[in-house]
Amino acid sequence: MAIARPVDRRLFFMLDRAHTQLAKAADAHLSASSHVGTSQAAVLIYLGYHDNCRLSELSEGVGRNNSAITGLVSRMEEAGLVSRGHSHDDRRTKTVSLTSKGWTVRETVMNDFRAFNEKLVKGLNDREVDAVMKFLSLSVSNVAS
């Protein structure tokens, strides 16, 4: 007879539950101030470091598939946060850039995430935060095949 383990001791389920709750909390936090969700925030942050990048680079950079990025960028373009253009190297290739409104909202998002991260690590010292970061980085590479 197998010994039943409590669900909270199963790491994947704890991570999944935490992800769901944290994503909801982050969305609520961002919506209140910057009026964007976490998906749009990820695009704004990525473009802040890689402005005028190809759609495929943006897709890889934020961890979304190409079709999801296309729809997301379309909604953000309608909101005036980003604009699409053509690559200087290949006119067939679409690029994405932040608009002036996008840059402004990005600054708000960056401040929102700083405040959210401060809440997130409350009660942890730097060494513990480093251990969590190491675990999260390694866990993804450990299961990737």
Protein backbone atom coordinates (compact mmCIF):
# COMPACT_ATOMS: atom_id res chain seq x y z
CA MET A 1 0.00 0.00 0.00
CA ALA A 2 1.38 3.38 -1.05
CA ILE A 3 1.69 6.11 1.50
CA ALA A 4 -0.23 9.19 0.43
CA ARG A 5 1.81 12.37 0.47
CA PRO A 6 0.11 15.66 1.17
CA VAL A 7 -0.39 17.68 -2.00
CA ASP A 8 1.57 20.62 -0.60
CA ARG A 9 4.74 18.47 -0.57
CA ARG A 10 4.59 17.90 -4.32
CA LEU A 11 6.79 20.60 -5.76
CA PHE A 12 5.19 20.93 -9.18
CA PHE A 13 1.71 21.41 -7.73
CA MET A 14 2.98 24.02 -5.27
CA LEU A 15 4.71 25.86 -8.12
CA ASP A 16 1.59 25.66 -10.27
CA ARG A 17 -0.61 26.97 -7.48
CA ALA A 18 1.86 29.74 -6.66
CA HIS A 19 2.11 30.70 -10.35
CA THR A 20 -1.67 30.99 -10.66
CA GLN A 21 -2.03 33.09 -7.52
CA LEU A 22 0.99 35.28 -8.30
CA ALA A 23 -0.14 35.88 -11.88
CA LYS A 24 -3.56 37.03 -10.65
CA ALA A 25 -1.97 39.28 -8.04
CA ALA A 26 0.52 40.74 -10.54
CA ASP A 27 -2.25 41.41 -13.07
CA ALA A 28 -4.32 43.19 -10.42
CA HIS A 29 -1.30 45.20 -9.25
CA LEU A 30 -0.40 46.27 -12.80
CA SER A 31 -3.98 47.00 -13.84
CA ALA A 32 -4.49 49.37 -10.94
CA SER A 33 -1.60 51.61 -11.93
CA SER A 34 -0.43 51.06 -15.49
CA HIS A 35 -3.66 49.59 -16.93
CA VAL A 36 -1.88 46.69 -18.65
CA GLY A 37 -1.68 42.99 -17.83
CA THR A 38 1.43 40.89 -17.33
CA SER A 39 1.60 39.81 -21.00
CA GLN A 40 1.64 43.39 -22.23
CA ALA A 41 4.03 44.35 -19.44
CA ALA A 42 6.46 41.64 -20.57
CA VAL A 43 6.39 43.05 -24.11
CA LEU A 44 6.96 46.60 -22.85
CA ILE A 45 9.89 45.53 -20.70
CA TYR A 46 11.48 43.42 -23.44
CA LEU A 47 11.13 46.19 -26.02
CA GLY A 48 12.72 48.62 -23.59
CA TYR A 49 15.90 46.57 -23.90
CA HIS A 50 15.43 45.41 -27.52
CA ASP A 51 13.42 48.12 -29.25
CA ASN A 52 12.74 47.72 -32.96
CA CYS A 53 13.21 43.96 -32.82
CA ARG A 54 11.66 41.36 -35.12
CA LEU A 55 8.38 39.76 -34.06
CA SER A 56 10.14 36.37 -33.84
CA GLU A 57 12.73 37.83 -31.43
CA LEU A 58 9.98 39.35 -29.32
CA SER A 59 8.14 36.03 -29.27
CA GLU A 60 11.22 34.20 -28.05
CA GLY A 61 12.16 36.97 -25.62
CA VAL A 62 8.83 36.93 -23.77
CA GLY A 63 8.25 33.19 -24.09
CA ARG A 64 5.07 33.29 -26.18
CA ASN A 65 4.39 31.58 -29.49
CA ASN A 66 4.31 33.60 -32.71
CA SER A 67 0.52 33.61 -33.08
CA ALA A 68 0.04 34.82 -29.50
CA ILE A 69 2.58 37.61 -30.05
CA THR A 70 0.88 38.71 -33.25
CA GLY A 71 -2.46 39.17 -31.48
CA LEU A 72 -0.86 40.78 -28.45
CA VAL A 73 1.10 43.24 -30.57
CA SER A 74 -2.07 44.07 -32.55
CA ARG A 75 -3.92 44.94 -29.33
CA MET A 76 -0.97 46.98 -28.08
CA GLU A 77 -0.74 48.79 -31.41
CA GLU A 78 -4.45 49.70 -31.16
CA ALA A 79 -3.77 51.04 -27.64
CA GLY A 80 -0.92 53.19 -29.00
CA LEU A 81 1.80 51.39 -27.03
CA VAL A 82 3.78 49.93 -29.93
CA SER A 83 4.15 50.41 -33.66
CA ARG A 84 5.10 47.96 -36.37
CA GLY A 85 7.59 48.63 -39.09
CA HIS A 86 9.83 46.87 -41.55
CA SER A 87 13.37 45.69 -40.99
CA HIS A 88 16.09 47.75 -42.67
CA ASP A 89 17.76 44.50 -43.78
CA ASP A 90 14.67 42.73 -45.13
CA ARG A 91 11.51 44.68 -45.98
CA ARG A 92 9.45 41.48 -45.62
CA THR A 93 10.36 41.20 -41.93
CA LYS A 94 8.14 43.04 -39.43
CA THR A 95 9.66 44.85 -36.47
CA VAL A 96 8.08 46.22 -33.30
CA SER A 97 8.98 49.43 -31.49
CA LEU A 98 7.71 51.27 -28.46
CA THR A 99 5.82 54.50 -29.08
CA SER A 100 6.30 57.49 -26.80
CA LYS A 101 3.19 56.35 -24.91
CA GLY A 102 4.71 52.85 -24.72
CA TRP A 103 7.90 54.22 -23.17
CA THR A 104 5.86 56.15 -20.59
CA VAL A 105 3.73 53.14 -19.67
CA ARG A 106 6.87 50.99 -19.54
CA GLU A 107 8.32 53.25 -16.83
CA THR A 108 5.14 52.85 -14.79
CA VAL A 109 5.27 49.07 -15.32
CA MET A 110 8.92 48.94 -14.20
CA ASN A 111 8.04 50.83 -11.01
CA ASP A 112 5.00 48.58 -10.46
CA PHE A 113 7.15 45.45 -10.80
CA ARG A 114 9.78 46.84 -8.42
CA ALA A 115 7.08 47.36 -5.80
CA PHE A 116 5.55 43.94 -6.52
CA ASN A 117 8.94 42.22 -6.22
CA GLU A 118 9.55 43.94 -2.88
CA LYS A 119 6.29 42.42 -1.62
CA LEU A 120 7.17 39.07 -3.15
CA VAL A 121 10.48 38.69 -1.30
CA LYS A 122 9.28 40.08 2.02
CA GLY A 123 10.69 37.89 4.79
CA LEU A 124 13.54 36.50 2.66
CA ASN A 125 17.15 37.55 2.93
CA ASP A 126 19.44 37.99 -0.10
CA ARG A 127 20.85 34.49 0.22
CA GLU A 128 17.37 32.96 0.24
CA VAL A 129 16.31 35.02 -2.78
CA ASP A 130 19.47 33.85 -4.59
CA ALA A 131 18.57 30.23 -3.77
CA VAL A 132 15.04 30.68 -5.15
CA MET A 133 16.42 32.28 -8.31
CA LYS A 134 18.91 29.46 -8.75
CA PHE A 135 16.22 26.83 -8.22
CA LEU A 136 13.84 28.42 -10.72
CA SER A 137 16.57 28.74 -13.35
CA LEU A 138 17.80 25.20 -12.86
CA SER A 139 14.33 23.65 -12.69
CA VAL A 140 13.51 24.87 -16.19
CA SER A 141 16.75 23.54 -17.68
CA ASN A 142 16.46 20.29 -15.69
CA VAL A 143 13.16 19.36 -17.31
CA ALA A 144 13.82 20.74 -20.80
CA SER A 145 14.55 18.09 -23.36
